[in-house]
N, C-alpha and C. Protein backbone atom coordinates (compact mmCIF):
# COMPACT_ATOMS: atom_id res chain seq x y z
N MET A 1 -89.46 107.47 133.31
CA MET A 1 -88.85 106.72 133.97
C MET A 1 -89.15 105.19 133.78
N GLY A 2 -88.25 104.30 133.47
CA GLY A 2 -88.68 102.97 133.23
C GLY A 2 -88.42 102.01 134.26
N CYS A 3 -88.64 100.93 134.24
CA CYS A 3 -88.40 99.85 135.01
C CYS A 3 -86.94 99.81 135.33
N PRO A 4 -86.37 99.64 136.38
CA PRO A 4 -84.95 99.43 136.71
C PRO A 4 -84.55 97.92 136.04
N GLN A 5 -83.12 97.78 135.56
CA GLN A 5 -82.91 96.37 135.09
C GLN A 5 -82.70 95.44 136.21
N ILE A 6 -83.14 94.48 136.27
CA ILE A 6 -82.83 93.48 137.40
C ILE A 6 -82.17 92.49 136.88
N SER A 7 -80.77 92.02 137.39
CA SER A 7 -80.08 90.88 136.98
C SER A 7 -80.44 89.89 137.65
N GLY A 8 -80.29 88.40 137.23
CA GLY A 8 -80.42 87.40 138.13
C GLY A 8 -80.65 86.19 137.07
N LEU A 9 -80.87 85.15 137.95
CA LEU A 9 -81.13 84.01 136.97
C LEU A 9 -82.52 83.34 137.23
N PRO A 10 -83.37 82.96 136.37
CA PRO A 10 -84.73 82.52 136.75
C PRO A 10 -84.80 81.10 137.71
N ILE A 11 -85.69 81.07 138.43
CA ILE A 11 -85.61 79.82 139.34
C ILE A 11 -86.54 78.91 139.05
N SER A 12 -87.52 79.29 138.00
CA SER A 12 -88.38 78.32 137.33
C SER A 12 -88.51 78.56 135.94
N THR A 13 -89.07 77.54 135.23
CA THR A 13 -89.16 77.50 133.90
C THR A 13 -90.49 76.99 133.44
N GLY A 14 -91.03 77.43 132.19
CA GLY A 14 -92.34 77.28 131.94
C GLY A 14 -92.81 78.39 131.27
N GLU A 15 -93.87 78.27 130.51
CA GLU A 15 -94.52 79.51 129.90
C GLU A 15 -95.84 79.99 130.59
N ILE A 16 -95.96 81.09 130.52
CA ILE A 16 -96.93 81.72 131.17
C ILE A 16 -97.99 82.52 130.19
N ALA A 17 -99.10 82.24 130.32
CA ALA A 17 -100.00 82.65 129.13
C ALA A 17 -100.35 84.21 129.29
N GLU A 18 -100.40 84.65 128.02
CA GLU A 18 -100.46 86.44 127.98
C GLU A 18 -101.31 86.94 129.02
N GLU A 19 -102.33 86.22 129.24
CA GLU A 19 -103.59 86.75 130.17
C GLU A 19 -103.24 86.69 131.43
N SER A 20 -102.04 85.89 131.91
CA SER A 20 -101.80 85.95 133.35
C SER A 20 -100.53 86.94 133.85
N ILE A 21 -100.16 87.73 132.82
CA ILE A 21 -98.99 88.54 133.21
C ILE A 21 -99.53 89.67 133.88
N ILE A 22 -99.01 90.30 134.76
CA ILE A 22 -99.39 91.27 135.93
C ILE A 22 -98.56 92.59 135.53
N ASP A 23 -99.42 93.65 135.36
CA ASP A 23 -98.75 95.03 135.40
C ASP A 23 -99.20 95.80 136.58
N ILE A 24 -98.78 96.96 136.68
CA ILE A 24 -99.10 97.71 137.79
C ILE A 24 -100.52 98.15 137.87
N ASP A 25 -101.42 97.93 136.81
CA ASP A 25 -102.63 98.37 136.96
C ASP A 25 -103.50 97.14 137.39
N THR A 26 -102.83 95.81 137.46
CA THR A 26 -103.69 94.66 138.07
C THR A 26 -102.96 94.18 139.05
N ILE A 27 -101.99 94.64 139.86
CA ILE A 27 -101.30 94.14 140.93
C ILE A 27 -101.88 93.94 142.20
N GLY A 28 -102.89 95.15 142.28
CA GLY A 28 -103.39 95.11 143.85
C GLY A 28 -104.58 94.10 144.00
N GLY A 29 -104.85 93.87 145.18
CA GLY A 29 -105.85 92.74 145.55
C GLY A 29 -105.64 91.38 144.97
N MET A 30 -104.46 90.88 144.65
CA MET A 30 -104.33 89.70 143.95
C MET A 30 -103.52 88.67 145.04
N PRO A 31 -104.29 87.71 145.49
CA PRO A 31 -103.41 86.59 146.50
C PRO A 31 -102.30 85.99 145.68
N GLY A 32 -101.25 86.07 146.31
CA GLY A 32 -100.05 85.00 145.90
C GLY A 32 -99.38 84.26 146.99
N GLY A 33 -98.79 83.07 145.98
CA GLY A 33 -98.29 82.24 146.95
C GLY A 33 -96.87 82.42 147.68
N ARG A 34 -96.03 83.13 146.77
CA ARG A 34 -94.75 83.67 147.57
C ARG A 34 -95.07 84.90 148.06
N ARG A 35 -94.37 84.75 149.52
CA ARG A 35 -94.44 85.95 150.05
C ARG A 35 -93.11 86.82 150.44
N VAL A 36 -92.26 86.52 149.21
CA VAL A 36 -90.64 87.13 149.21
C VAL A 36 -90.79 88.04 147.91
N PRO A 37 -90.11 89.05 147.70
CA PRO A 37 -89.84 89.71 146.60
C PRO A 37 -89.46 88.99 145.34
N HIS A 38 -90.23 88.88 144.24
CA HIS A 38 -89.90 88.37 143.22
C HIS A 38 -90.55 88.88 141.82
N LEU A 39 -90.25 88.65 140.66
CA LEU A 39 -90.79 89.08 139.54
C LEU A 39 -91.18 87.83 138.48
N HIS A 40 -92.29 88.12 137.85
CA HIS A 40 -92.39 87.16 136.84
C HIS A 40 -92.31 87.84 135.10
N TYR A 41 -91.31 87.27 134.58
CA TYR A 41 -90.97 87.86 133.45
C TYR A 41 -90.55 86.65 132.33
N ARG A 42 -91.32 86.83 131.37
CA ARG A 42 -91.20 86.11 129.85
C ARG A 42 -91.14 84.49 130.46
N GLY A 43 -92.09 84.15 131.53
CA GLY A 43 -92.29 82.74 131.81
C GLY A 43 -91.42 82.36 132.84
N GLU A 44 -90.48 83.27 133.32
CA GLU A 44 -89.67 83.03 134.51
C GLU A 44 -89.75 83.74 135.63
N MET A 45 -89.52 83.04 136.77
CA MET A 45 -89.74 83.88 138.09
C MET A 45 -88.26 84.34 138.62
N TYR A 46 -87.97 85.33 138.98
CA TYR A 46 -86.71 85.87 139.41
C TYR A 46 -86.88 86.37 141.02
N MET A 47 -86.13 85.89 141.72
CA MET A 47 -86.11 86.38 143.17
C MET A 47 -85.30 87.60 143.31
N LEU A 48 -85.71 88.55 144.03
CA LEU A 48 -84.96 89.82 144.33
C LEU A 48 -84.23 89.82 145.66
N ASP A 49 -83.21 90.15 145.64
CA ASP A 49 -82.30 90.49 146.93
C ASP A 49 -82.88 92.00 147.73
N PRO A 50 -82.62 92.41 148.74
CA PRO A 50 -83.06 93.40 149.34
C PRO A 50 -82.72 94.63 148.50
N GLU A 51 -81.40 94.83 148.00
CA GLU A 51 -81.11 95.92 147.18
C GLU A 51 -82.00 96.22 145.81
N GLN A 52 -82.10 95.05 145.28
CA GLN A 52 -82.89 94.93 143.93
C GLN A 52 -84.23 95.42 144.37
N TRP A 53 -84.83 94.75 145.53
CA TRP A 53 -86.21 95.21 145.80
C TRP A 53 -86.39 96.66 145.97
N ARG A 54 -85.34 97.19 146.59
CA ARG A 54 -85.46 98.65 146.90
C ARG A 54 -85.44 99.59 145.64
N SER A 55 -84.65 99.29 144.51
CA SER A 55 -84.56 99.78 143.38
C SER A 55 -85.92 99.67 142.58
N PHE A 56 -86.32 98.39 142.58
CA PHE A 56 -87.54 98.12 141.94
C PHE A 56 -88.78 98.75 142.44
N SER A 57 -88.87 98.84 143.82
CA SER A 57 -90.05 99.14 144.59
C SER A 57 -90.19 100.69 144.50
N ARG A 58 -89.06 101.40 144.40
CA ARG A 58 -88.75 102.90 144.30
C ARG A 58 -89.48 103.36 142.87
N VAL A 59 -89.03 102.56 141.78
CA VAL A 59 -89.50 103.17 140.46
C VAL A 59 -91.31 102.76 140.57
N VAL A 60 -91.49 101.81 141.05
CA VAL A 60 -93.11 101.68 141.15
C VAL A 60 -93.95 102.59 142.00
N MET A 61 -93.29 102.97 143.17
CA MET A 61 -93.63 103.98 144.02
C MET A 61 -93.87 105.09 143.44
N GLU A 62 -92.77 105.85 142.76
CA GLU A 62 -92.95 106.80 141.93
C GLU A 62 -93.68 106.87 140.80
N ASP A 63 -94.27 105.72 140.16
CA ASP A 63 -95.18 105.65 139.07
C ASP A 63 -96.57 105.79 139.78
N ILE A 64 -96.85 105.20 140.87
CA ILE A 64 -98.10 105.15 141.63
C ILE A 64 -98.24 106.73 141.93
N SER A 65 -97.24 107.43 142.56
CA SER A 65 -97.36 108.77 143.03
C SER A 65 -97.95 109.78 141.94
N LYS A 66 -97.09 109.50 140.67
CA LYS A 66 -97.37 110.23 139.63
C LYS A 66 -98.88 110.18 139.25
N ARG A 67 -99.39 108.94 139.30
CA ARG A 67 -100.77 108.55 138.85
C ARG A 67 -101.80 109.02 139.89
N VAL A 68 -101.56 109.13 141.27
CA VAL A 68 -102.40 109.74 142.15
C VAL A 68 -102.21 111.31 141.97
N MET A 69 -101.11 111.82 141.70
CA MET A 69 -101.25 113.28 141.43
C MET A 69 -101.97 113.99 140.21
N ALA A 70 -102.06 113.07 139.17
CA ALA A 70 -102.65 113.40 137.84
C ALA A 70 -104.04 113.08 137.92
N ALA A 71 -104.65 112.42 138.87
CA ALA A 71 -106.01 112.00 138.79
C ALA A 71 -106.67 113.43 138.79
N ASN A 72 -107.53 113.44 137.99
CA ASN A 72 -108.50 114.79 137.90
C ASN A 72 -109.55 114.53 138.94
N GLN A 73 -110.16 113.37 139.39
CA GLN A 73 -111.21 113.26 140.31
C GLN A 73 -110.84 111.96 141.05
N VAL A 74 -111.22 111.89 142.38
CA VAL A 74 -111.24 110.70 143.15
C VAL A 74 -112.38 110.64 143.86
N SER A 75 -112.97 109.44 144.01
CA SER A 75 -114.15 108.98 144.65
C SER A 75 -113.89 108.93 146.10
N PHE A 76 -114.73 108.93 146.88
CA PHE A 76 -114.77 108.75 148.50
C PHE A 76 -113.85 107.42 148.82
N ASN A 77 -114.45 106.35 148.16
CA ASN A 77 -113.84 105.12 148.39
C ASN A 77 -112.37 104.92 147.81
N GLU A 78 -112.24 105.53 146.66
CA GLU A 78 -110.72 105.72 146.35
C GLU A 78 -109.80 106.20 147.13
N LEU A 79 -110.32 107.24 147.58
CA LEU A 79 -109.79 108.14 148.46
C LEU A 79 -109.40 107.35 150.02
N LEU A 80 -110.30 106.64 150.19
CA LEU A 80 -110.02 105.89 151.47
C LEU A 80 -109.04 104.78 151.41
N GLY A 81 -109.20 104.11 150.18
CA GLY A 81 -108.18 103.21 149.72
C GLY A 81 -106.81 103.64 149.81
N VAL A 82 -106.57 104.76 149.05
CA VAL A 82 -105.31 105.25 149.18
C VAL A 82 -104.77 105.66 150.57
N ALA A 83 -105.63 106.38 151.16
CA ALA A 83 -105.42 106.67 152.51
C ALA A 83 -104.86 105.68 153.39
N GLU A 84 -105.65 104.46 153.35
CA GLU A 84 -105.45 103.32 154.16
C GLU A 84 -104.10 102.71 153.73
N SER A 85 -103.88 102.64 152.34
CA SER A 85 -102.49 102.11 151.65
C SER A 85 -101.28 102.94 152.31
N ALA A 86 -101.63 104.34 152.46
CA ALA A 86 -100.26 105.32 152.72
C ALA A 86 -100.21 104.94 154.37
N SER A 87 -101.16 104.84 155.05
CA SER A 87 -101.15 104.71 156.36
C SER A 87 -100.28 103.45 156.85
N SER A 88 -100.83 102.29 156.24
CA SER A 88 -99.89 101.13 156.51
C SER A 88 -98.28 101.02 156.15
N LEU A 89 -98.19 102.16 155.36
CA LEU A 89 -96.79 102.23 154.99
C LEU A 89 -95.82 103.06 156.23
N MET A 90 -96.50 103.75 156.82
CA MET A 90 -95.85 104.88 157.68
C MET A 90 -95.94 104.06 159.36
N ARG A 91 -96.00 102.81 159.50
CA ARG A 91 -96.10 102.32 160.66
C ARG A 91 -94.66 101.89 161.10
């Protein structure tokens, strides 16, 4: 399953260095300036409305779930991190 197609217009212009591109493996623990749903793609930033965010986040959560279920071994600290994250979603 791939990322859903998000339509919209960029709200910024400019180039982003290759090393600054974020994927699901590096998204955690990174502070950001914008606290609204948005994506960076090919040097542009796209704001997401609630329906677009639900569609996008559903795919990300499915990918995370598959990665957790496929893990052969998990450390105590990794399990704590997953448990804390899951607990915060159920509030």
